[in-house]
């Protein structure tokens, strides 16, 4: 019996979305977007502006941006992959909102990320430290198609 996999992702600029769809296709997995209740604008994502929404959220890691209603039932999945762009060397806090909203009991969890310059190890380790009750498997930075194929092979 093959495992049932769900690919979830938050994408601010479309890069993580593209990686998520390529990965879901390679794994023949279901896919769902992690959407904020209030979408991010280009101004919200301006990391050079200390007052931008993303800058404020990443300065206060206890903030939990509200999710749009996903109506998500994880019960039929064996493994959940969670994708995001790396912000300030971490997962955006909306990923924490998602992880705290849903029950991952009995699920294997992996993260994947896209980034213009940061690696995934710090953000992956940070999430594992925050949610030690989850069953974690190694994740991967997915900036190119060959790394997506490599990650899909790891997951299979």
N, C-alpha and C. Protein backbone atom coordinates (compact mmCIF):
# COMPACT_ATOMS: atom_id res chain seq x y z
N UNK A 1 0.84 -1.19 0.00
CA UNK A 1 0.00 0.00 0.00
C UNK A 1 0.88 1.25 0.00
N UNK A 2 0.61 2.17 -0.89
CA UNK A 2 1.40 3.39 -0.93
C UNK A 2 0.81 4.41 0.04
N UNK A 3 1.68 5.29 0.50
CA UNK A 3 1.21 6.28 1.46
C UNK A 3 0.50 7.42 0.73
N UNK A 4 -0.44 8.02 1.44
CA UNK A 4 -1.19 9.15 0.88
C UNK A 4 -0.53 10.44 1.37
N UNK A 5 -0.19 11.31 0.43
CA UNK A 5 0.60 12.51 0.73
C UNK A 5 -0.20 13.76 0.37
N UNK A 6 -0.10 14.75 1.25
CA UNK A 6 -0.67 16.07 1.00
C UNK A 6 0.46 17.08 0.95
N UNK A 7 0.51 17.84 -0.12
CA UNK A 7 1.46 18.95 -0.25
C UNK A 7 0.69 20.22 0.09
N UNK A 8 1.14 20.94 1.12
CA UNK A 8 0.55 22.23 1.46
C UNK A 8 1.64 23.29 1.26
N UNK A 9 1.20 24.50 1.00
CA UNK A 9 2.21 25.54 0.76
C UNK A 9 1.63 26.92 1.02
N UNK A 10 2.52 27.82 1.44
CA UNK A 10 2.24 29.25 1.48
C UNK A 10 3.20 29.87 0.48
N UNK A 11 2.67 30.70 -0.40
CA UNK A 11 3.51 31.34 -1.41
C UNK A 11 3.17 32.82 -1.47
N UNK A 12 4.17 33.65 -1.31
CA UNK A 12 3.95 35.09 -1.34
C UNK A 12 4.12 35.65 -2.75
N UNK A 13 5.08 35.10 -3.51
CA UNK A 13 5.37 35.67 -4.83
C UNK A 13 5.11 34.70 -5.98
N UNK A 14 4.76 33.47 -5.66
CA UNK A 14 4.48 32.48 -6.69
C UNK A 14 5.55 31.42 -6.86
N UNK A 15 6.77 31.68 -6.36
CA UNK A 15 7.85 30.70 -6.51
C UNK A 15 7.58 29.42 -5.74
N UNK A 16 7.13 29.55 -4.50
CA UNK A 16 6.85 28.36 -3.69
C UNK A 16 5.65 27.61 -4.26
N UNK A 17 4.69 28.33 -4.79
CA UNK A 17 3.53 27.69 -5.43
C UNK A 17 3.99 26.82 -6.59
N UNK A 18 4.86 27.35 -7.42
CA UNK A 18 5.36 26.60 -8.57
C UNK A 18 6.09 25.34 -8.11
N UNK A 19 6.94 25.46 -7.09
CA UNK A 19 7.66 24.29 -6.56
C UNK A 19 6.69 23.28 -5.98
N UNK A 20 5.66 23.76 -5.28
CA UNK A 20 4.67 22.86 -4.66
C UNK A 20 3.91 22.07 -5.71
N UNK A 21 3.49 22.72 -6.77
CA UNK A 21 2.75 22.02 -7.83
C UNK A 21 3.63 21.00 -8.55
N UNK A 22 4.88 21.36 -8.79
CA UNK A 22 5.81 20.41 -9.43
C UNK A 22 6.02 19.21 -8.52
N UNK A 23 6.19 19.44 -7.23
CA UNK A 23 6.38 18.37 -6.26
C UNK A 23 5.14 17.49 -6.16
N UNK A 24 3.97 18.11 -6.04
CA UNK A 24 2.72 17.34 -5.94
C UNK A 24 2.52 16.47 -7.17
N UNK A 25 2.85 17.01 -8.32
CA UNK A 25 2.73 16.25 -9.57
C UNK A 25 3.69 15.06 -9.56
N UNK A 26 4.92 15.27 -9.13
CA UNK A 26 5.92 14.20 -9.09
C UNK A 26 5.53 13.10 -8.12
N UNK A 27 4.81 13.46 -7.06
CA UNK A 27 4.42 12.50 -6.03
C UNK A 27 3.00 11.96 -6.23
N UNK A 28 2.29 12.48 -7.20
CA UNK A 28 0.87 12.16 -7.37
C UNK A 28 0.12 12.42 -6.06
N UNK A 29 0.41 13.58 -5.47
CA UNK A 29 -0.14 13.95 -4.17
C UNK A 29 -1.23 15.00 -4.33
N UNK A 30 -2.08 15.09 -3.32
CA UNK A 30 -3.05 16.18 -3.25
C UNK A 30 -2.29 17.45 -2.88
N UNK A 31 -2.90 18.59 -3.19
CA UNK A 31 -2.24 19.87 -2.90
C UNK A 31 -3.25 20.86 -2.37
N UNK A 32 -2.83 21.66 -1.38
CA UNK A 32 -3.68 22.71 -0.80
C UNK A 32 -2.81 23.92 -0.47
N UNK A 33 -3.34 25.08 -0.75
CA UNK A 33 -2.64 26.32 -0.44
C UNK A 33 -2.95 26.77 0.98
N UNK A 34 -1.94 27.24 1.69
CA UNK A 34 -2.10 27.87 3.00
C UNK A 34 -2.26 29.35 2.70
N UNK A 35 -3.48 29.83 2.81
CA UNK A 35 -3.77 31.22 2.42
C UNK A 35 -4.04 32.08 3.64
N UNK A 36 -3.50 33.28 3.66
CA UNK A 36 -3.83 34.20 4.74
C UNK A 36 -5.23 34.76 4.55
N UNK A 37 -5.92 35.05 5.65
CA UNK A 37 -7.25 35.65 5.57
C UNK A 37 -7.17 36.99 4.85
N UNK A 38 -6.10 37.72 5.09
CA UNK A 38 -5.85 38.98 4.40
C UNK A 38 -4.62 38.77 3.53
N UNK A 39 -4.79 38.74 2.21
CA UNK A 39 -3.65 38.48 1.32
C UNK A 39 -2.53 39.52 1.50
N UNK A 40 -1.31 39.08 1.27
CA UNK A 40 -0.16 39.97 1.34
C UNK A 40 -0.06 40.77 0.05
N UNK A 41 0.19 42.06 0.18
CA UNK A 41 0.43 42.92 -0.97
C UNK A 41 1.94 43.03 -1.18
N UNK A 42 2.34 43.61 -2.30
CA UNK A 42 3.76 43.84 -2.55
C UNK A 42 4.36 44.73 -1.45
N UNK A 43 3.59 45.71 -1.01
CA UNK A 43 4.05 46.59 0.08
C UNK A 43 4.23 45.80 1.38
N UNK A 44 3.33 44.86 1.66
CA UNK A 44 3.44 44.02 2.86
C UNK A 44 4.71 43.19 2.86
N UNK A 45 5.20 42.85 1.68
CA UNK A 45 6.35 41.96 1.55
C UNK A 45 7.68 42.70 1.42
N UNK A 46 7.66 44.03 1.50
CA UNK A 46 8.87 44.83 1.35
C UNK A 46 9.75 44.70 2.59
N UNK A 47 10.71 43.80 2.54
CA UNK A 47 11.56 43.54 3.70
C UNK A 47 12.49 44.70 4.01
N UNK A 48 12.64 45.65 3.08
CA UNK A 48 13.45 46.85 3.34
C UNK A 48 12.70 47.87 4.19
N UNK A 49 11.39 47.72 4.29
CA UNK A 49 10.57 48.62 5.09
C UNK A 49 10.31 47.96 6.45
N UNK A 50 10.88 48.51 7.49
CA UNK A 50 10.74 47.93 8.83
C UNK A 50 9.28 47.93 9.34
N UNK A 51 8.41 48.73 8.69
CA UNK A 51 7.01 48.79 9.08
C UNK A 51 6.10 47.94 8.18
N UNK A 52 6.70 47.21 7.24
CA UNK A 52 5.88 46.36 6.38
C UNK A 52 5.32 45.20 7.21
N UNK A 53 4.24 44.67 6.75
CA UNK A 53 3.57 43.57 7.47
C UNK A 53 4.52 42.39 7.70
N UNK A 54 5.25 41.97 6.69
CA UNK A 54 6.16 40.83 6.86
C UNK A 54 7.27 41.16 7.85
N UNK A 55 7.79 42.36 7.83
CA UNK A 55 8.84 42.75 8.78
C UNK A 55 8.32 42.72 10.20
N UNK A 56 7.14 43.24 10.41
CA UNK A 56 6.53 43.26 11.76
C UNK A 56 6.29 41.84 12.25
N UNK A 57 5.74 40.98 11.37
CA UNK A 57 5.48 39.59 11.76
C UNK A 57 6.76 38.85 12.12
N UNK A 58 7.82 39.08 11.38
CA UNK A 58 9.05 38.35 11.63
C UNK A 58 9.85 38.93 12.80
N UNK A 59 9.55 40.15 13.21
CA UNK A 59 10.17 40.72 14.42
C UNK A 59 9.50 40.17 15.67
N UNK A 60 8.20 39.83 15.57
CA UNK A 60 7.46 39.28 16.70
C UNK A 60 6.99 37.88 16.32
N UNK A 61 7.80 36.88 16.60
CA UNK A 61 7.50 35.52 16.16
C UNK A 61 6.31 34.90 16.88
N UNK A 62 5.72 35.62 17.82
CA UNK A 62 4.51 35.12 18.49
C UNK A 62 3.25 35.51 17.72
N UNK A 63 3.38 36.40 16.74
CA UNK A 63 2.22 36.77 15.92
C UNK A 63 1.77 35.57 15.09
N UNK A 64 0.47 35.41 14.95
CA UNK A 64 -0.09 34.32 14.17
C UNK A 64 -1.09 34.90 13.17
N UNK A 65 -0.64 35.17 11.94
CA UNK A 65 -1.55 35.69 10.93
C UNK A 65 -2.73 34.72 10.74
N UNK A 66 -3.90 35.27 10.61
CA UNK A 66 -5.10 34.45 10.46
C UNK A 66 -5.13 33.78 9.09
N UNK A 67 -5.60 32.55 9.08
CA UNK A 67 -5.73 31.79 7.83
C UNK A 67 -7.09 32.00 7.20
N UNK A 68 -7.14 31.96 5.88
CA UNK A 68 -8.42 31.84 5.19
C UNK A 68 -8.92 30.44 5.51
N UNK A 69 -10.22 30.23 5.50
CA UNK A 69 -10.78 28.93 5.83
C UNK A 69 -10.36 27.90 4.80
N UNK A 70 -9.67 26.85 5.26
CA UNK A 70 -9.18 25.81 4.35
C UNK A 70 -10.10 24.59 4.32
N UNK A 71 -10.94 24.42 5.36
CA UNK A 71 -11.78 23.22 5.43
C UNK A 71 -10.94 21.98 5.19
N UNK A 72 -9.85 21.85 5.90
CA UNK A 72 -8.87 20.80 5.66
C UNK A 72 -9.06 19.65 6.64
N UNK A 73 -9.12 18.44 6.12
CA UNK A 73 -9.21 17.23 6.93
C UNK A 73 -7.95 16.42 6.65
N UNK A 74 -7.08 16.31 7.63
CA UNK A 74 -5.82 15.59 7.46
C UNK A 74 -5.94 14.10 7.73
N UNK A 75 -7.10 13.64 8.15
CA UNK A 75 -7.23 12.26 8.65
C UNK A 75 -6.84 11.19 7.64
N UNK A 76 -7.00 11.43 6.36
CA UNK A 76 -6.70 10.38 5.38
C UNK A 76 -5.26 10.40 4.88
N UNK A 77 -4.45 11.33 5.37
CA UNK A 77 -3.08 11.46 4.89
C UNK A 77 -2.07 10.81 5.84
N UNK A 78 -1.07 10.19 5.24
CA UNK A 78 0.03 9.61 6.01
C UNK A 78 1.15 10.61 6.22
N UNK A 79 1.33 11.48 5.21
CA UNK A 79 2.43 12.43 5.25
C UNK A 79 1.95 13.79 4.76
N UNK A 80 2.40 14.84 5.44
CA UNK A 80 2.06 16.20 5.06
C UNK A 80 3.37 16.95 4.81
N UNK A 81 3.48 17.51 3.61
CA UNK A 81 4.62 18.34 3.25
C UNK A 81 4.18 19.79 3.34
N UNK A 82 4.98 20.61 3.99
CA UNK A 82 4.62 22.01 4.22
C UNK A 82 5.67 22.90 3.57
N UNK A 83 5.25 23.68 2.58
CA UNK A 83 6.18 24.52 1.85
C UNK A 83 5.99 26.00 2.14
N UNK A 84 7.09 26.74 2.04
CA UNK A 84 7.06 28.18 2.32
C UNK A 84 8.30 28.85 1.77
N UNK A 85 8.22 30.17 1.54
CA UNK A 85 9.43 30.94 1.25
C UNK A 85 10.14 31.22 2.58
N UNK A 86 11.44 31.24 2.57
CA UNK A 86 12.16 31.55 3.81
C UNK A 86 12.22 33.06 3.98
N UNK A 87 11.76 33.50 5.14
CA UNK A 87 11.78 34.92 5.50
C UNK A 87 12.70 35.07 6.70
N UNK A 88 13.67 35.94 6.62
CA UNK A 88 14.56 36.21 7.74
C UNK A 88 15.14 34.90 8.30
N UNK A 89 15.47 33.98 7.42
CA UNK A 89 16.07 32.69 7.76
C UNK A 89 15.12 31.76 8.52
N UNK A 90 13.81 32.04 8.45
CA UNK A 90 12.80 31.24 9.16
C UNK A 90 11.58 31.01 8.27
N UNK A 91 10.70 30.15 8.73
CA UNK A 91 9.40 30.00 8.08
C UNK A 91 8.55 31.21 8.46
N UNK A 92 7.77 31.76 7.54
CA UNK A 92 6.85 32.85 7.90
C UNK A 92 5.91 32.38 9.02
N UNK A 93 5.51 33.30 9.87
CA UNK A 93 4.69 32.92 11.03
C UNK A 93 3.33 32.34 10.65
N UNK A 94 2.88 32.55 9.42
CA UNK A 94 1.63 31.92 8.99
C UNK A 94 1.77 30.39 8.99
N UNK A 95 2.99 29.89 8.86
CA UNK A 95 3.23 28.44 8.94
C UNK A 95 2.94 27.97 10.36
N UNK A 96 3.31 28.75 11.35
CA UNK A 96 2.98 28.41 12.74
C UNK A 96 1.47 28.38 12.94
N UNK A 97 0.77 29.35 12.36
CA UNK A 97 -0.69 29.37 12.46
C UNK A 97 -1.25 28.06 11.92
N UNK A 98 -0.77 27.65 10.76
CA UNK A 98 -1.24 26.41 10.13
C UNK A 98 -0.92 25.20 11.00
N UNK A 99 0.28 25.11 11.50
CA UNK A 99 0.70 23.94 12.28
C UNK A 99 -0.05 23.86 13.61
N UNK A 100 -0.43 25.00 14.16
CA UNK A 100 -1.15 25.02 15.43
C UNK A 100 -2.64 24.80 15.25
N UNK A 101 -3.15 25.00 14.05
CA UNK A 101 -4.59 24.85 13.81
C UNK A 101 -4.99 23.39 13.56
N UNK A 102 -4.10 22.61 12.97
CA UNK A 102 -4.46 21.26 12.54
C UNK A 102 -3.77 20.20 13.39
N UNK A 103 -4.39 19.03 13.43
CA UNK A 103 -3.89 17.90 14.22
C UNK A 103 -3.01 17.02 13.33
N UNK A 104 -1.73 16.97 13.65
CA UNK A 104 -0.78 16.20 12.86
C UNK A 104 -0.44 14.86 13.53
N UNK A 105 -1.24 14.45 14.50
CA UNK A 105 -1.00 13.19 15.18
C UNK A 105 -1.01 12.04 14.18
N UNK A 106 0.02 11.22 14.24
CA UNK A 106 0.12 10.06 13.35
C UNK A 106 0.57 10.39 11.95
N UNK A 107 0.92 11.64 11.69
CA UNK A 107 1.38 12.06 10.35
C UNK A 107 2.89 12.25 10.36
N UNK A 108 3.51 11.91 9.26
CA UNK A 108 4.90 12.29 9.05
C UNK A 108 4.87 13.69 8.45
N UNK A 109 5.75 14.57 8.92
CA UNK A 109 5.78 15.95 8.45
C UNK A 109 7.17 16.25 7.89
N UNK A 110 7.18 16.90 6.73
CA UNK A 110 8.42 17.40 6.12
C UNK A 110 8.15 18.82 5.65
N UNK A 111 9.19 19.62 5.65
CA UNK A 111 9.06 20.96 5.09
C UNK A 111 9.90 21.06 3.82
N UNK A 112 9.47 21.96 2.96
CA UNK A 112 10.28 22.34 1.81
C UNK A 112 10.16 23.84 1.69
N UNK A 113 11.17 24.44 1.11
CA UNK A 113 11.19 25.90 1.06
C UNK A 113 11.84 26.39 -0.22
N UNK A 114 11.56 27.65 -0.53
CA UNK A 114 12.25 28.37 -1.59
C UNK A 114 12.93 29.56 -0.94
N UNK A 115 14.04 29.98 -1.51
CA UNK A 115 14.77 31.09 -0.92
C UNK A 115 15.71 31.71 -1.94
N UNK A 116 15.89 33.01 -1.80
CA UNK A 116 16.84 33.70 -2.65
C UNK A 116 18.26 33.59 -2.16
N UNK A 117 18.46 33.17 -0.92
CA UNK A 117 19.82 33.10 -0.40
C UNK A 117 20.01 32.26 0.84
N UNK A 118 18.96 32.06 1.62
CA UNK A 118 19.09 31.28 2.86
C UNK A 118 18.93 29.80 2.59
N UNK A 119 19.57 28.99 3.42
CA UNK A 119 19.35 27.55 3.39
C UNK A 119 18.11 27.21 4.21
N UNK A 120 17.74 25.95 4.22
CA UNK A 120 16.53 25.52 4.94
C UNK A 120 16.83 25.05 6.36
N UNK A 121 18.07 24.73 6.68
CA UNK A 121 18.35 24.05 7.95
C UNK A 121 17.90 24.84 9.18
N UNK A 122 18.10 26.13 9.21
CA UNK A 122 17.71 26.91 10.39
C UNK A 122 16.19 26.95 10.56
N UNK A 123 15.46 27.19 9.48
CA UNK A 123 14.00 27.25 9.59
C UNK A 123 13.43 25.87 9.91
N UNK A 124 14.00 24.82 9.35
CA UNK A 124 13.55 23.46 9.62
C UNK A 124 13.78 23.10 11.09
N UNK A 125 14.97 23.37 11.58
CA UNK A 125 15.30 23.08 12.98
C UNK A 125 14.43 23.89 13.94
N UNK A 126 14.16 25.15 13.59
CA UNK A 126 13.31 25.99 14.43
C UNK A 126 11.90 25.40 14.56
N UNK A 127 11.33 24.95 13.45
CA UNK A 127 10.00 24.34 13.50
C UNK A 127 10.02 23.04 14.30
N UNK A 128 11.05 22.24 14.11
CA UNK A 128 11.15 20.98 14.86
C UNK A 128 11.25 21.25 16.36
N UNK A 129 11.99 22.29 16.74
CA UNK A 129 12.11 22.66 18.16
C UNK A 129 10.77 23.15 18.72
N UNK A 130 10.01 23.90 17.91
CA UNK A 130 8.73 24.43 18.36
C UNK A 130 7.64 23.36 18.45
N UNK A 131 7.74 22.33 17.61
CA UNK A 131 6.71 21.30 17.55
C UNK A 131 7.35 19.91 17.67
N UNK A 132 7.95 19.63 18.84
CA UNK A 132 8.68 18.36 19.00
C UNK A 132 7.75 17.13 19.01
N UNK A 133 6.47 17.34 19.21
CA UNK A 133 5.53 16.22 19.24
C UNK A 133 5.25 15.66 17.85
N UNK A 134 5.64 16.36 16.82
CA UNK A 134 5.39 15.90 15.45
C UNK A 134 6.49 14.93 15.02
N UNK A 135 6.12 14.02 14.12
CA UNK A 135 7.09 13.08 13.56
C UNK A 135 7.71 13.72 12.33
N UNK A 136 8.93 14.21 12.48
CA UNK A 136 9.62 14.96 11.43
C UNK A 136 10.51 14.05 10.60
N UNK A 137 10.56 14.33 9.31
CA UNK A 137 11.52 13.72 8.39
C UNK A 137 12.25 14.88 7.71
N UNK A 138 13.43 14.62 7.15
CA UNK A 138 14.22 15.71 6.55
C UNK A 138 13.48 16.41 5.40
N UNK A 139 13.64 17.72 5.36
CA UNK A 139 13.06 18.54 4.30
C UNK A 139 14.13 18.92 3.29
N UNK A 140 13.77 19.88 2.44
CA UNK A 140 14.72 20.27 1.38
C UNK A 140 14.40 21.66 0.86
N UNK A 141 15.45 22.37 0.47
CA UNK A 141 15.30 23.64 -0.23
C UNK A 141 15.07 23.32 -1.70
N UNK A 142 13.98 23.83 -2.28
CA UNK A 142 13.59 23.50 -3.65
C UNK A 142 13.63 24.74 -4.53
N UNK A 143 14.81 25.07 -5.00
CA UNK A 143 14.93 26.23 -5.88
C UNK A 143 15.06 25.86 -7.35
N UNK A 144 15.26 24.58 -7.64
CA UNK A 144 15.42 24.15 -9.04
C UNK A 144 14.70 22.82 -9.24
N UNK A 145 14.33 22.53 -10.48
CA UNK A 145 13.59 21.31 -10.78
C UNK A 145 14.33 20.04 -10.36
N UNK A 146 15.66 20.01 -10.50
CA UNK A 146 16.36 18.77 -10.13
C UNK A 146 16.29 18.53 -8.62
N UNK A 147 16.27 19.58 -7.82
CA UNK A 147 16.14 19.36 -6.37
C UNK A 147 14.73 18.91 -6.02
N UNK A 148 13.73 19.33 -6.78
CA UNK A 148 12.36 18.87 -6.55
C UNK A 148 12.29 17.37 -6.83
N UNK A 149 12.89 16.92 -7.90
CA UNK A 149 12.89 15.48 -8.21
C UNK A 149 13.62 14.70 -7.12
N UNK A 150 14.75 15.22 -6.63
CA UNK A 150 15.49 14.56 -5.56
C UNK A 150 14.64 14.45 -4.29
N UNK A 151 13.93 15.52 -3.96
CA UNK A 151 13.07 15.51 -2.77
C UNK A 151 11.93 14.52 -2.95
N UNK A 152 11.33 14.50 -4.12
CA UNK A 152 10.24 13.55 -4.39
C UNK A 152 10.74 12.12 -4.21
N UNK A 153 11.96 11.85 -4.65
CA UNK A 153 12.53 10.51 -4.45
C UNK A 153 12.73 10.20 -2.97
N UNK A 154 13.11 11.21 -2.16
CA UNK A 154 13.26 11.02 -0.71
C UNK A 154 11.91 10.68 -0.07
N UNK A 155 10.88 11.37 -0.49
CA UNK A 155 9.54 11.21 0.10
C UNK A 155 8.95 9.85 -0.24
N UNK A 156 9.15 9.44 -1.50
CA UNK A 156 8.60 8.13 -1.94
C UNK A 156 9.16 7.08 -1.07
